[in-house]
Amino acid sequence: MPAIKDRAAKDGAGRSRAASRPFVLWREVLTAYAAPALMAGTAGVVTGQRDLAVAACTSIAGTSAVVAFLVGTWLRHGGRPRRWTTAIPRLALTVLLVVMTAGAAALLAWAAAHWLPAHTTLPVSPWLDRLRIDLPVSAALATTIVTLRWRSTTGASRA
């Protein structure tokens, strides 16, 4: 029986099926929205945190989907990846992109939390403070997953 299980998990070239699946951007974006929405939404319902349940489908999942789309589009670069993105080690690429996207998301969240109440009729509220955590964490997770998924399909070295 183990031989059948091993054969089912590998394709003809000896690669795992997950690694041989093509990188399809719409699927990555859909997954980037659905996974955190389900997980954080469930956690919010189970723990009785209504604000977490609402944030799960808005700021958390929305940020993940937008970041997955932007990072995935940038990595694909019109179907031909940039040479340096396949030349550097997978971990280094992932860390670099995570730092950039999480930093940008943190700046955006900070600006929204301060600028919106000062320049609009929107009052200061707990959900604005929540953005300071939701946006960078969602951006970091989405970037990590999309980058590793994309890199697994490029045929670049596994380092």
Protein backbone atom coordinates (compact mmCIF):
# COMPACT_ATOMS: atom_id res chain seq x y z
CA MET A 1 0.00 0.00 0.00
CA PRO A 2 2.75 2.57 0.71
CA ALA A 3 3.86 2.35 -2.92
CA ILE A 4 0.40 3.40 -4.07
CA LYS A 5 0.34 6.31 -1.62
CA ASP A 6 3.80 7.45 -2.78
CA ARG A 7 2.79 7.21 -6.44
CA ALA A 8 -0.38 9.21 -5.80
CA ALA A 9 1.55 12.03 -4.14
CA LYS A 10 4.12 12.37 -6.91
CA ASP A 11 3.81 13.21 -10.57
CA GLY A 12 5.82 11.55 -13.36
CA ALA A 13 8.89 13.74 -12.78
CA GLY A 14 9.08 12.92 -9.08
CA ARG A 15 7.78 16.30 -7.90
CA SER A 16 4.91 16.60 -5.48
CA ARG A 17 1.58 17.52 -7.07
CA ALA A 18 1.33 20.70 -4.99
CA ALA A 19 4.62 21.97 -6.38
CA SER A 20 3.69 21.12 -9.96
CA ARG A 21 0.36 23.00 -9.94
CA PRO A 22 0.60 26.27 -11.84
CA PHE A 23 0.40 29.60 -10.05
CA VAL A 24 -3.06 30.97 -10.83
CA LEU A 25 -3.52 34.46 -9.46
CA TRP A 26 -7.30 34.47 -9.04
CA ARG A 27 -7.10 31.25 -7.03
CA GLU A 28 -4.41 32.70 -4.78
CA VAL A 29 -6.46 35.87 -4.21
CA LEU A 30 -9.62 33.89 -3.46
CA THR A 31 -7.72 31.71 -0.99
CA ALA A 32 -6.09 34.80 0.54
CA TYR A 33 -9.58 36.19 1.23
CA ALA A 34 -11.35 33.00 2.29
CA ALA A 35 -8.74 31.51 4.64
CA PRO A 36 -8.38 34.43 7.07
CA ALA A 37 -12.08 35.27 6.83
CA LEU A 38 -13.00 31.75 7.91
CA MET A 39 -10.33 31.40 10.58
CA ALA A 40 -10.68 34.85 12.19
CA GLY A 41 -14.46 34.79 11.76
CA THR A 42 -14.69 31.45 13.50
CA ALA A 43 -12.43 32.68 16.29
CA GLY A 44 -14.60 35.78 16.68
CA VAL A 45 -17.80 33.75 16.89
CA VAL A 46 -16.37 31.12 19.24
CA THR A 47 -14.88 33.68 21.64
CA GLY A 48 -17.84 36.04 21.41
CA GLN A 49 -15.79 38.91 19.93
CA ARG A 50 -18.23 40.53 17.51
CA ASP A 51 -15.62 43.07 16.35
CA LEU A 52 -13.25 40.25 15.36
CA ALA A 53 -15.99 38.47 13.45
CA VAL A 54 -16.74 41.66 11.49
CA ALA A 55 -13.07 42.51 10.96
CA ALA A 56 -12.47 38.97 9.67
CA CYS A 57 -14.49 39.66 6.53
CA THR A 58 -13.46 43.29 6.11
CA SER A 59 -10.03 44.56 7.16
CA ILE A 60 -8.37 41.18 7.71
CA ALA A 61 -9.55 39.23 4.66
CA GLY A 62 -9.75 42.33 2.46
CA THR A 63 -6.16 43.26 3.18
CA SER A 64 -5.04 39.69 2.55
CA ALA A 65 -6.79 39.58 -0.83
CA VAL A 66 -5.47 42.97 -1.97
CA VAL A 67 -1.91 42.16 -0.89
CA ALA A 68 -2.08 38.70 -2.52
CA PHE A 69 -3.21 40.32 -5.77
CA LEU A 70 -0.53 43.02 -5.70
CA VAL A 71 2.34 40.72 -4.71
CA GLY A 72 1.22 37.96 -7.08
CA THR A 73 0.94 40.40 -9.98
CA TRP A 74 4.34 41.88 -9.20
CA LEU A 75 5.99 38.47 -8.91
CA ARG A 76 4.46 37.19 -12.15
CA HIS A 77 5.71 40.29 -14.00
CA GLY A 78 3.76 39.52 -17.16
CA GLY A 79 4.51 35.81 -17.06
CA ARG A 80 8.29 36.25 -16.98
CA PRO A 81 9.67 36.63 -13.45
CA ARG A 82 12.40 39.13 -12.75
CA ARG A 83 15.75 37.39 -12.75
CA TRP A 84 16.70 38.40 -9.21
CA THR A 85 13.44 37.03 -7.75
CA THR A 86 14.37 33.53 -8.87
CA ALA A 87 18.11 33.89 -8.22
CA ILE A 88 18.07 34.75 -4.53
CA PRO A 89 17.16 32.14 -1.90
CA ARG A 90 13.43 31.61 -1.36
CA LEU A 91 13.63 32.60 2.30
CA ALA A 92 15.48 35.84 1.51
CA LEU A 93 12.90 36.81 -1.13
CA THR A 94 10.05 36.04 1.25
CA VAL A 95 11.56 38.03 4.13
CA LEU A 96 12.30 40.99 1.87
CA LEU A 97 8.77 41.12 0.47
CA VAL A 98 7.17 40.58 3.91
CA VAL A 99 9.14 43.45 5.42
CA MET A 100 8.15 45.72 2.53
CA THR A 101 4.44 44.85 2.47
CA ALA A 102 3.98 44.71 6.24
CA GLY A 103 5.81 48.03 6.57
CA ALA A 104 3.63 49.65 3.91
CA ALA A 105 0.49 48.21 5.53
CA ALA A 106 1.58 49.47 8.96
CA LEU A 107 2.15 52.97 7.56
CA LEU A 108 -1.24 52.89 5.84
CA ALA A 109 -2.95 51.74 9.04
CA TRP A 110 -1.21 54.38 11.12
CA ALA A 111 -2.13 57.09 8.61
CA ALA A 112 -5.75 55.93 8.48
CA ALA A 113 -6.05 55.82 12.26
CA HIS A 114 -4.75 59.40 12.57
CA TRP A 115 -5.81 61.08 9.35
CA LEU A 116 -9.39 59.86 9.00
CA PRO A 117 -10.68 61.22 12.34
CA ALA A 118 -8.78 64.49 11.90
CA HIS A 119 -9.92 65.22 8.35
CA THR A 120 -13.34 63.62 8.06
CA THR A 121 -16.46 63.38 10.15
CA LEU A 122 -15.48 59.83 11.10
CA PRO A 123 -15.09 59.66 14.89
CA VAL A 124 -12.22 57.92 16.62
CA SER A 125 -13.33 54.33 17.12
CA PRO A 126 -11.86 50.99 18.18
CA TRP A 127 -11.91 49.61 14.62
CA LEU A 128 -9.47 52.31 13.52
CA ASP A 129 -7.06 51.22 16.24
CA ARG A 130 -7.64 47.62 15.19
CA LEU A 131 -6.29 48.48 11.70
CA ARG A 132 -2.83 48.97 13.21
CA ILE A 133 -2.70 45.23 13.90
CA ASP A 134 -4.98 43.79 11.22
CA LEU A 135 -3.33 45.36 8.18
CA PRO A 136 0.35 44.51 8.80
CA VAL A 137 -0.38 41.00 10.07
CA SER A 138 -2.69 40.24 7.13
CA ALA A 139 -0.17 41.69 4.68
CA ALA A 140 2.68 39.63 6.17
CA LEU A 141 0.72 36.37 6.04
CA ALA A 142 -0.61 36.91 2.52
CA THR A 143 2.83 37.91 1.22
CA THR A 144 4.47 34.87 2.79
CA ILE A 145 1.96 32.43 1.36
CA VAL A 146 1.81 33.95 -2.12
CA THR A 147 5.59 34.29 -2.39
CA LEU A 148 6.26 30.73 -1.30
CA ARG A 149 3.49 29.39 -3.57
CA TRP A 150 4.77 31.38 -6.54
CA ARG A 151 8.37 30.41 -5.90
CA SER A 152 7.40 26.70 -5.72
CA THR A 153 6.06 26.94 -9.28
CA THR A 154 8.99 28.77 -10.88
CA GLY A 155 11.37 25.84 -11.04
CA ALA A 156 14.03 27.96 -9.30
CA SER A 157 16.37 26.40 -6.80
CA ARG A 158 14.81 25.33 -3.52
CA ALA A 159 17.32 27.21 -1.34
